[in-house]
Amino acid sequence: MRTISPPLSHRASAMLRAVAADRAEMTLSAEPDLRIDGLLCCDQATAHDLARAGLIRPIGPGLPRQWVRAVLTPDGHVAVSHTAPAA
């Protein structure tokens, strides 16, 4: 599994759980933006890190900068299984 260095923050873990719950979309771009429940995430740097680390990806092809559903990669599933659920 690829990792983000340092290990996943609480925010990154929450973002992964939102993607796993099918609540997230991302743009098709080199530095994809992420929105959850239709709202743009306040920490796009972390969204970029998750994508670069290979933990999230767009569900499929589309036009540049188009919003598409975000999904976990196999590494993302492993990472989210090691995160504690929100209290």
PDB file of N, CA and C in Angstrom:
ATOM      1  N   MET A   1       0.845  -1.186   0.000  1.00  0.00           N
ATOM      2  CA  MET A   1       0.000   0.000   0.000  1.00  0.00           C
ATOM      3  C   MET A   1       0.880   1.234   0.000  1.00  0.00           C
ATOM      4  N   ARG A   2       0.563   2.188  -0.862  1.00  0.00           N
ATOM      5  CA  ARG A   2       1.233   3.487  -0.830  1.00  0.00           C
ATOM      6  C   ARG A   2       0.722   4.250   0.379  1.00  0.00           C
ATOM      7  N   THR A   3       1.552   5.079   0.935  1.00  0.00           N
ATOM      8  CA  THR A   3       1.122   5.826   2.115  1.00  0.00           C
ATOM      9  C   THR A   3       1.339   7.306   1.920  1.00  0.00           C
ATOM     10  N   ILE A   4       0.565   8.064   2.658  1.00  0.00           N
ATOM     11  CA  ILE A   4       0.769   9.494   2.727  1.00  0.00           C
ATOM     12  C   ILE A   4       1.704   9.718   3.902  1.00  0.00           C
ATOM     13  N   SER A   5       2.696  10.536   3.723  1.00  0.00           N
ATOM     14  CA  SER A   5       3.632  10.785   4.809  1.00  0.00           C
ATOM     15  C   SER A   5       3.433  12.201   5.305  1.00  0.00           C
ATOM     16  N   PRO A   6       3.196  12.415   6.576  1.00  0.00           N
ATOM     17  CA  PRO A   6       3.039  11.456   7.665  1.00  0.00           C
ATOM     18  C   PRO A   6       1.751  10.648   7.508  1.00  0.00           C
ATOM     19  N   PRO A   7       1.497   9.694   8.431  1.00  0.00           N
ATOM     20  CA  PRO A   7       0.286   8.869   8.324  1.00  0.00           C
ATOM     21  C   PRO A   7      -0.985   9.715   8.212  1.00  0.00           C
ATOM     22  N   LEU A   8      -2.062   9.079   7.821  1.00  0.00           N
ATOM     23  CA  LEU A   8      -3.329   9.774   7.576  1.00  0.00           C
ATOM     24  C   LEU A   8      -3.790  10.592   8.771  1.00  0.00           C
ATOM     25  N   SER A   9      -4.172  11.820   8.489  1.00  0.00           N
ATOM     26  CA  SER A   9      -4.749  12.686   9.521  1.00  0.00           C
ATOM     27  C   SER A   9      -6.211  12.290   9.735  1.00  0.00           C
ATOM     28  N   HIS A  10      -6.795  12.825  10.782  1.00  0.00           N
ATOM     29  CA  HIS A  10      -8.228  12.578  11.020  1.00  0.00           C
ATOM     30  C   HIS A  10      -9.053  13.084   9.841  1.00  0.00           C
ATOM     31  N   ARG A  11      -8.667  14.240   9.291  1.00  0.00           N
ATOM     32  CA  ARG A  11      -9.401  14.800   8.153  1.00  0.00           C
ATOM     33  C   ARG A  11      -9.288  13.898   6.934  1.00  0.00           C
ATOM     34  N   ALA A  12      -8.084  13.417   6.644  1.00  0.00           N
ATOM     35  CA  ALA A  12      -7.899  12.520   5.497  1.00  0.00           C
ATOM     36  C   ALA A  12      -8.703  11.234   5.686  1.00  0.00           C
ATOM     37  N   SER A  13      -8.696  10.711   6.898  1.00  0.00           N
ATOM     38  CA  SER A  13      -9.479   9.509   7.192  1.00  0.00           C
ATOM     39  C   SER A  13     -10.965   9.756   6.985  1.00  0.00           C
ATOM     40  N   ALA A  14     -11.451  10.917   7.428  1.00  0.00           N
ATOM     41  CA  ALA A  14     -12.865  11.259   7.248  1.00  0.00           C
ATOM     42  C   ALA A  14     -13.206  11.393   5.768  1.00  0.00           C
ATOM     43  N   MET A  15     -12.291  11.953   5.000  1.00  0.00           N
ATOM     44  CA  MET A  15     -12.520  12.081   3.560  1.00  0.00           C
ATOM     45  C   MET A  15     -12.607  10.699   2.917  1.00  0.00           C
ATOM     46  N   LEU A  16     -11.735   9.790   3.313  1.00  0.00           N
ATOM     47  CA  LEU A  16     -11.787   8.430   2.774  1.00  0.00           C
ATOM     48  C   LEU A  16     -13.097   7.744   3.143  1.00  0.00           C
ATOM     49  N   ARG A  17     -13.554   7.934   4.373  1.00  0.00           N
ATOM     50  CA  ARG A  17     -14.825   7.320   4.776  1.00  0.00           C
ATOM     51  C   ARG A  17     -15.989   7.893   3.965  1.00  0.00           C
ATOM     52  N   ALA A  18     -15.938   9.182   3.652  1.00  0.00           N
ATOM     53  CA  ALA A  18     -16.994   9.788   2.833  1.00  0.00           C
ATOM     54  C   ALA A  18     -16.983   9.208   1.418  1.00  0.00           C
ATOM     55  N   VAL A  19     -15.796   9.010   0.871  1.00  0.00           N
ATOM     56  CA  VAL A  19     -15.698   8.383  -0.457  1.00  0.00           C
ATOM     57  C   VAL A  19     -16.254   6.961  -0.384  1.00  0.00           C
ATOM     58  N   ALA A  20     -15.892   6.227   0.657  1.00  0.00           N
ATOM     59  CA  ALA A  20     -16.376   4.852   0.815  1.00  0.00           C
ATOM     60  C   ALA A  20     -17.893   4.794   0.948  1.00  0.00           C
ATOM     61  N   ALA A  21     -18.480   5.837   1.528  1.00  0.00           N
ATOM     62  CA  ALA A  21     -19.937   5.896   1.714  1.00  0.00           C
ATOM     63  C   ALA A  21     -20.654   6.442   0.483  1.00  0.00           C
ATOM     64  N   ASP A  22     -19.927   6.619  -0.616  1.00  0.00           N
ATOM     65  CA  ASP A  22     -20.497   7.103  -1.878  1.00  0.00           C
ATOM     66  C   ASP A  22     -21.075   8.510  -1.729  1.00  0.00           C
ATOM     67  N   ARG A  23     -20.390   9.364  -0.977  1.00  0.00           N
ATOM     68  CA  ARG A  23     -20.840  10.736  -0.756  1.00  0.00           C
ATOM     69  C   ARG A  23     -19.928  11.755  -1.425  1.00  0.00           C
ATOM     70  N   ALA A  24     -18.965  11.320  -2.249  1.00  0.00           N
ATOM     71  CA  ALA A  24     -17.947  12.226  -2.766  1.00  0.00           C
ATOM     72  C   ALA A  24     -17.867  12.227  -4.284  1.00  0.00           C
ATOM     73  N   GLU A  25     -17.478  13.382  -4.799  1.00  0.00           N
ATOM     74  CA  GLU A  25     -17.199  13.568  -6.222  1.00  0.00           C
ATOM     75  C   GLU A  25     -15.836  14.229  -6.341  1.00  0.00           C
ATOM     76  N   MET A  26     -15.195  14.011  -7.481  1.00  0.00           N
ATOM     77  CA  MET A  26     -13.916  14.667  -7.723  1.00  0.00           C
ATOM     78  C   MET A  26     -13.847  15.131  -9.169  1.00  0.00           C
ATOM     79  N   THR A  27     -12.981  16.110  -9.396  1.00  0.00           N
ATOM     80  CA  THR A  27     -12.806  16.605 -10.755  1.00  0.00           C
ATOM     81  C   THR A  27     -11.811  15.727 -11.495  1.00  0.00           C
ATOM     82  N   LEU A  28     -11.971  15.689 -12.793  1.00  0.00           N
ATOM     83  CA  LEU A  28     -11.018  14.988 -13.647  1.00  0.00           C
ATOM     84  C   LEU A  28      -9.927  15.982 -14.021  1.00  0.00           C
ATOM     85  N   SER A  29      -8.861  15.959 -13.259  1.00  0.00           N
ATOM     86  CA  SER A  29      -7.739  16.860 -13.505  1.00  0.00           C
ATOM     87  C   SER A  29      -6.489  16.293 -12.852  1.00  0.00           C
ATOM     88  N   ALA A  30      -5.345  16.882 -13.162  1.00  0.00           N
ATOM     89  CA  ALA A  30      -4.082  16.421 -12.588  1.00  0.00           C
ATOM     90  C   ALA A  30      -4.068  16.593 -11.078  1.00  0.00           C
ATOM     91  N   GLU A  31      -4.695  17.639 -10.583  1.00  0.00           N
ATOM     92  CA  GLU A  31      -4.827  17.893  -9.144  1.00  0.00           C
ATOM     93  C   GLU A  31      -6.324  17.943  -8.840  1.00  0.00           C
ATOM     94  N   PRO A  32      -6.955  16.774  -8.674  1.00  0.00           N
ATOM     95  CA  PRO A  32      -8.413  16.741  -8.556  1.00  0.00           C
ATOM     96  C   PRO A  32      -8.932  17.367  -7.267  1.00  0.00           C
ATOM     97  N   ASP A  33      -9.980  18.171  -7.413  1.00  0.00           N
ATOM     98  CA  ASP A  33     -10.675  18.730  -6.259  1.00  0.00           C
ATOM     99  C   ASP A  33     -11.720  17.723  -5.801  1.00  0.00           C
ATOM    100  N   LEU A  34     -12.122  17.838  -4.560  1.00  0.00           N
ATOM    101  CA  LEU A  34     -13.063  16.893  -3.967  1.00  0.00           C
ATOM    102  C   LEU A  34     -14.211  17.657  -3.340  1.00  0.00           C
ATOM    103  N   ARG A  35     -15.415  17.142  -3.516  1.00  0.00           N
ATOM    104  CA  ARG A  35     -16.547  17.673  -2.774  1.00  0.00           C
ATOM    105  C   ARG A  35     -17.310  16.508  -2.170  1.00  0.00           C
ATOM    106  N   ILE A  36     -17.850  16.770  -0.993  1.00  0.00           N
ATOM    107  CA  ILE A  36     -18.578  15.760  -0.242  1.00  0.00           C
ATOM    108  C   ILE A  36     -19.962  16.312   0.042  1.00  0.00           C
ATOM    109  N   ASP A  37     -20.974  15.500  -0.227  1.00  0.00           N
ATOM    110  CA  ASP A  37     -22.364  15.932  -0.065  1.00  0.00           C
ATOM    111  C   ASP A  37     -22.629  17.230  -0.816  1.00  0.00           C
ATOM    112  N   GLY A  38     -21.970  17.394  -1.964  1.00  0.00           N
ATOM    113  CA  GLY A  38     -22.167  18.563  -2.809  1.00  0.00           C
ATOM    114  C   GLY A  38     -21.396  19.799  -2.388  1.00  0.00           C
ATOM    115  N   LEU A  39     -20.656  19.721  -1.281  1.00  0.00           N
ATOM    116  CA  LEU A  39     -19.910  20.875  -0.778  1.00  0.00           C
ATOM    117  C   LEU A  39     -18.420  20.685  -1.030  1.00  0.00           C
ATOM    118  N   LEU A  40     -17.777  21.732  -1.536  1.00  0.00           N
ATOM    119  CA  LEU A  40     -16.348  21.685  -1.790  1.00  0.00           C
ATOM    120  C   LEU A  40     -15.593  21.498  -0.482  1.00  0.00           C
ATOM    121  N   CYS A  41     -14.651  20.577  -0.448  1.00  0.00           N
ATOM    122  CA  CYS A  41     -13.854  20.336   0.760  1.00  0.00           C
ATOM    123  C   CYS A  41     -12.980  21.545   1.057  1.00  0.00           C
ATOM    124  N   CYS A  42     -12.810  21.818   2.340  1.00  0.00           N
ATOM    125  CA  CYS A  42     -12.007  22.971   2.744  1.00  0.00           C
ATOM    126  C   CYS A  42     -10.513  22.685   2.635  1.00  0.00           C
ATOM    127  N   ASP A  43     -10.126  21.431   2.496  1.00  0.00           N
ATOM    128  CA  ASP A  43      -8.714  21.058   2.459  1.00  0.00           C
ATOM    129  C   ASP A  43      -8.403  20.336   1.160  1.00  0.00           C
ATOM    130  N   GLN A  44      -8.300  21.105   0.086  1.00  0.00           N
ATOM    131  CA  GLN A  44      -8.040  20.498  -1.213  1.00  0.00           C
ATOM    132  C   GLN A  44      -6.632  19.910  -1.285  1.00  0.00           C
ATOM    133  N   ALA A  45      -5.698  20.419  -0.489  1.00  0.00           N
ATOM    134  CA  ALA A  45      -4.348  19.841  -0.485  1.00  0.00           C
ATOM    135  C   ALA A  45      -4.413  18.377  -0.046  1.00  0.00           C
ATOM    136  N   THR A  46      -5.225  18.083   0.947  1.00  0.00           N
ATOM    137  CA  THR A  46      -5.375  16.695   1.394  1.00  0.00           C
ATOM    138  C   THR A  46      -6.062  15.857   0.324  1.00  0.00           C
ATOM    139  N   ALA A  47      -7.058  16.421  -0.342  1.00  0.00           N
ATOM    140  CA  ALA A  47      -7.710  15.701  -1.441  1.00  0.00           C
ATOM    141  C   ALA A  47      -6.690  15.353  -2.521  1.00  0.00           C
ATOM    142  N   HIS A  48      -5.827  16.300  -2.852  1.00  0.00           N
ATOM    143  CA  HIS A  48      -4.787  16.044  -3.853  1.00  0.00           C
ATOM    144  C   HIS A  48      -3.846  14.938  -3.369  1.00  0.00           C
ATOM    145  N   ASP A  49      -3.476  14.994  -2.074  1.00  0.00           N
ATOM    146  CA  ASP A  49      -2.587  13.971  -1.509  1.00  0.00           C
ATOM    147  C   ASP A  49      -3.215  12.579  -1.598  1.00  0.00           C
ATOM    148  N   LEU A  50      -4.513  12.484  -1.300  1.00  0.00           N
ATOM    149  CA  LEU A  50      -5.196  11.188  -1.360  1.00  0.00           C
ATOM    150  C   LEU A  50      -5.188  10.633  -2.785  1.00  0.00           C
ATOM    151  N   ALA A  51      -5.415  11.508  -3.750  1.00  0.00           N
ATOM    152  CA  ALA A  51      -5.396  11.078  -5.153  1.00  0.00           C
ATOM    153  C   ALA A  51      -3.980  10.677  -5.577  1.00  0.00           C
ATOM    154  N   ARG A  52      -2.984  11.500  -5.237  1.00  0.00           N
ATOM    155  CA  ARG A  52      -1.598  11.189  -5.609  1.00  0.00           C
ATOM    156  C   ARG A  52      -1.110   9.904  -4.951  1.00  0.00           C
ATOM    157  N   ALA A  53      -1.580   9.633  -3.736  1.00  0.00           N
ATOM    158  CA  ALA A  53      -1.182   8.416  -3.026  1.00  0.00           C
ATOM    159  C   ALA A  53      -1.888   7.180  -3.573  1.00  0.00           C
ATOM    160  N   GLY A  54      -2.816   7.380  -4.496  1.00  0.00           N
ATOM    161  CA  GLY A  54      -3.522   6.251  -5.098  1.00  0.00           C
ATOM    162  C   GLY A  54      -4.587   5.662  -4.194  1.00  0.00           C
ATOM    163  N   LEU A  55      -5.166   6.476  -3.312  1.00  0.00           N
ATOM    164  CA  LEU A  55      -6.197   5.993  -2.400  1.00  0.00           C
ATOM    165  C   LEU A  55      -7.604   6.264  -2.924  1.00  0.00           C
ATOM    166  N   ILE A  56      -7.768   7.304  -3.740  1.00  0.00           N
ATOM    167  CA  ILE A  56      -9.047   7.607  -4.371  1.00  0.00           C
ATOM    168  C   ILE A  56      -8.818   7.837  -5.858  1.00  0.00           C
ATOM    169  N   ARG A  57      -9.885   7.651  -6.626  1.00  0.00           N
ATOM    170  CA  ARG A  57      -9.804   7.884  -8.074  1.00  0.00           C
ATOM    171  C   ARG A  57     -11.202   8.192  -8.581  1.00  0.00           C
ATOM    172  N   PRO A  58     -11.283   8.807  -9.767  1.00  0.00           N
ATOM    173  CA  PRO A  58     -12.604   9.010 -10.366  1.00  0.00           C
ATOM    174  C   PRO A  58     -13.155   7.673 -10.851  1.00  0.00           C
ATOM    175  N   ILE A  59     -14.479   7.568 -10.874  1.00  0.00           N
ATOM    176  CA  ILE A  59     -15.094   6.303 -11.271  1.00  0.00           C
ATOM    177  C   ILE A  59     -14.853   5.972 -12.742  1.00  0.00           C
ATOM    178  N   GLY A  60     -14.664   6.978 -13.565  1.00  0.00           N
ATOM    179  CA  GLY A  60     -14.454   6.685 -14.974  1.00  0.00           C
ATOM    180  C   GLY A  60     -14.015   7.901 -15.744  1.00  0.00           C
ATOM    181  N   PRO A  61     -13.932   7.756 -17.044  1.00  0.00           N
ATOM    182  CA  PRO A  61     -13.479   8.855 -17.896  1.00  0.00           C
ATOM    183  C   PRO A  61     -14.545   9.939 -18.029  1.00  0.00           C
ATOM    184  N   GLY A  62     -14.111  11.082 -18.503  1.00  0.00           N
ATOM    185  CA  GLY A  62     -15.005  12.207 -18.739  1.00  0.00           C
ATOM    186  C   GLY A  62     -14.210  13.357 -19.315  1.00  0.00           C
ATOM    187  N   LEU A  63     -14.804  14.505 -19.284  1.00  0.00           N
ATOM    188  CA  LEU A  63     -14.154  15.700 -19.806  1.00  0.00           C
ATOM    189  C   LEU A  63     -13.270  16.334 -18.742  1.00  0.00           C
ATOM    190  N   PRO A  64     -12.202  17.030 -19.153  1.00  0.00           N
ATOM    191  CA  PRO A  64     -11.346  17.699 -18.179  1.00  0.00           C
ATOM    192  C   PRO A  64     -12.163  18.628 -17.271  1.00  0.00           C
ATOM    193  N   ARG A  65     -11.864  18.577 -15.996  1.00  0.00           N
ATOM    194  CA  ARG A  65     -12.481  19.377 -14.928  1.00  0.00           C
ATOM    195  C   ARG A  65     -13.945  19.017 -14.659  1.00  0.00           C
ATOM    196  N   GLN A  66     -14.440  17.957 -15.274  1.00  0.00           N
ATOM    197  CA  GLN A  66     -15.805  17.490 -15.010  1.00  0.00           C
ATOM    198  C   GLN A  66     -15.844  16.828 -13.629  1.00  0.00           C
ATOM    199  N   TRP A  67     -16.961  17.004 -12.920  1.00  0.00           N
ATOM    200  CA  TRP A  67     -17.164  16.331 -11.629  1.00  0.00           C
ATOM    201  C   TRP A  67     -17.730  14.941 -11.880  1.00  0.00           C
ATOM    202  N   VAL A  68     -17.084  13.930 -11.294  1.00  0.00           N
ATOM    203  CA  VAL A  68     -17.553  12.544 -11.382  1.00  0.00           C
ATOM    204  C   VAL A  68     -17.469  11.917  -9.994  1.00  0.00           C
ATOM    205  N   ARG A  69     -18.159  10.814  -9.821  1.00  0.00           N
ATOM    206  CA  ARG A  69     -18.131  10.126  -8.529  1.00  0.00           C
ATOM    207  C   ARG A  69     -16.712   9.689  -8.189  1.00  0.00           C
ATOM    208  N   ALA A  70     -16.326   9.855  -6.938  1.00  0.00           N
ATOM    209  CA  ALA A  70     -15.030   9.392  -6.449  1.00  0.00           C
ATOM    210  C   ALA A  70     -15.206   8.014  -5.824  1.00  0.00           C
ATOM    211  N   VAL A  71     -14.231   7.156  -6.020  1.00  0.00           N
ATOM    212  CA  VAL A  71     -14.257   5.818  -5.437  1.00  0.00           C
ATOM    213  C   VAL A  71     -12.903   5.523  -4.798  1.00  0.00           C
ATOM    214  N   LEU A  72     -12.917   4.579  -3.879  1.00  0.00           N
ATOM    215  CA  LEU A  72     -11.670   4.120  -3.276  1.00  0.00           C
ATOM    216  C   LEU A  72     -10.974   3.150  -4.223  1.00  0.00           C
ATOM    217  N   THR A  73      -9.662   3.200  -4.236  1.00  0.00           N
ATOM    218  CA  THR A  73      -8.867   2.199  -4.933  1.00  0.00           C
ATOM    219  C   THR A  73      -8.692   1.012  -3.977  1.00  0.00           C
ATOM    220  N   PRO A  74      -8.114  -0.078  -4.429  1.00  0.00           N
ATOM    221  CA  PRO A  74      -7.833  -1.171  -3.490  1.00  0.00           C
ATOM    222  C   PRO A  74      -6.992  -0.702  -2.288  1.00  0.00           C
ATOM    223  N   ASP A  75      -5.982   0.138  -2.546  1.00  0.00           N
ATOM    224  CA  ASP A  75      -5.188   0.683  -1.438  1.00  0.00           C
ATOM    225  C   ASP A  75      -6.041   1.560  -0.534  1.00  0.00           C
ATOM    226  N   GLY A  76      -6.985   2.284  -1.115  1.00  0.00           N
ATOM    227  CA  GLY A  76      -7.888   3.118  -0.328  1.00  0.00           C
ATOM    228  C   GLY A  76      -8.772   2.288   0.582  1.00  0.00           C
ATOM    229  N   HIS A  77      -9.228   1.134   0.091  1.00  0.00           N
ATOM    230  CA  HIS A  77     -10.036   0.242   0.934  1.00  0.00           C
ATOM    231  C   HIS A  77      -9.224  -0.248   2.133  1.00  0.00           C
ATOM    232  N   VAL A  78      -7.956  -0.567   1.898  1.00  0.00           N
ATOM    233  CA  VAL A  78      -7.099  -0.990   2.999  1.00  0.00           C
ATOM    234  C   VAL A  78      -6.914   0.150   3.987  1.00  0.00           C
ATOM    235  N   ALA A  79      -6.654   1.343   3.480  1.00  0.00           N
ATOM    236  CA  ALA A  79      -6.428   2.504   4.359  1.00  0.00           C
ATOM    237  C   ALA A  79      -7.671   2.804   5.193  1.00  0.00           C
ATOM    238  N   VAL A  80      -8.845   2.781   4.577  1.00  0.00           N
ATOM    239  CA  VAL A  80     -10.063   3.113   5.315  1.00  0.00           C
ATOM    240  C   VAL A  80     -10.384   2.024   6.335  1.00  0.00           C
ATOM    241  N   SER A  81      -9.982   0.808   6.083  1.00  0.00           N
ATOM    242  CA  SER A  81     -10.238  -0.262   7.058  1.00  0.00           C
ATOM    243  C   SER A  81      -9.373  -0.101   8.306  1.00  0.00           C
ATOM    244  N   HIS A  82      -8.331   0.722   8.206  1.00  0.00           N
ATOM    245  CA  HIS A  82      -7.440   0.969   9.348  1.00  0.00           C
ATOM    246  C   HIS A  82      -7.747   2.286  10.040  1.00  0.00           C
ATOM    247  N   THR A  83      -8.833   2.944   9.665  1.00  0.00           N
ATOM    248  CA  THR A  83      -9.210   4.213  10.311  1.00  0.00           C
ATOM    249  C   THR A  83     -10.356   3.983  11.257  1.00  0.00           C
ATOM    250  N   ALA A  84     -10.349   4.735  12.319  1.00  0.00           N
ATOM    251  CA  ALA A  84     -11.439   4.632  13.316  1.00  0.00           C
ATOM    252  C   ALA A  84     -12.643   5.406  12.816  1.00  0.00           C
ATOM    253  N   PRO A  85     -13.846   4.874  12.985  1.00  0.00           N
ATOM    254  CA  PRO A  85     -15.040   5.631  12.594  1.00  0.00           C
ATOM    255  C   PRO A  85     -15.204   6.868  13.455  1.00  0.00           C
ATOM    256  N   ALA A  86     -15.885   7.853  12.908  1.00  0.00           N
ATOM    257  CA  ALA A  86     -16.123   9.086  13.652  1.00  0.00           C
ATOM    258  C   ALA A  86     -16.974   8.800  14.868  1.00  0.00           C
ATOM    259  N   ALA A  87     -16.683   9.517  15.931  1.00  0.00           N
ATOM    260  CA  ALA A  87     -17.425   9.302  17.189  1.00  0.00           C
ATOM    261  C   ALA A  87     -18.791   9.928  17.123  1.00  0.00           C
TER     262      ALA A  87
END
